[in-house]
């Protein structure tokens, strides 16, 4: 029996946006061979498989954050969302360009670095499972005004939970651009 997740219009808009970015990621890796997925553009740089592993680690870490914040919201009687039909997709605009542009170099925190090998297939499976949990969390957290629930991001500083959700997609968009650059490299295997 399938779980039915009910989302406010606001949270549905966020989930639709991050799922759109996920589709871009999936399109970028579709049909690539194992040699292409595991190709490192240079010594010490991530392969496409590594990027998928990193993205899975990040979204799994977000699950822990969302769970913790759900507990805090209930414990502290967070106010309900007074505007569940309003869009907040622009809440990440102040740092959107900096986040999406892969020319802005960022060192990933150790907890989300792909230190152990993971196949692209496993990375994609973990990404799919994590997205289901992100959607569930959006359903549970959507009844609260998430602008009052804040947590520091390792690169962007303090974000409210609406921003955390929107950043999920922007982060994937950043790495989709990185994947497309790897594929455009003349040294990228053709098969």
Foldseek 3Di string as FASTA:
>chain_A
DDDDFDFQLQLVVLLVLLVVLVVLLCVLCPPDDQLLQQDALDPPHGGVQQVLQLLLLVLVVVLVVLVVLLVVCVVVVAAFDPCSNDYPLCVQVVCLVVQQAPVNDDDDPPSRGSPDGDGSVRSVVSVVVSSVSVSNSNRSCSRGDQQPAWDQDPPPGIDTVVNVSNVSRSNSNSVSVVSVVSCVDPPRDPD
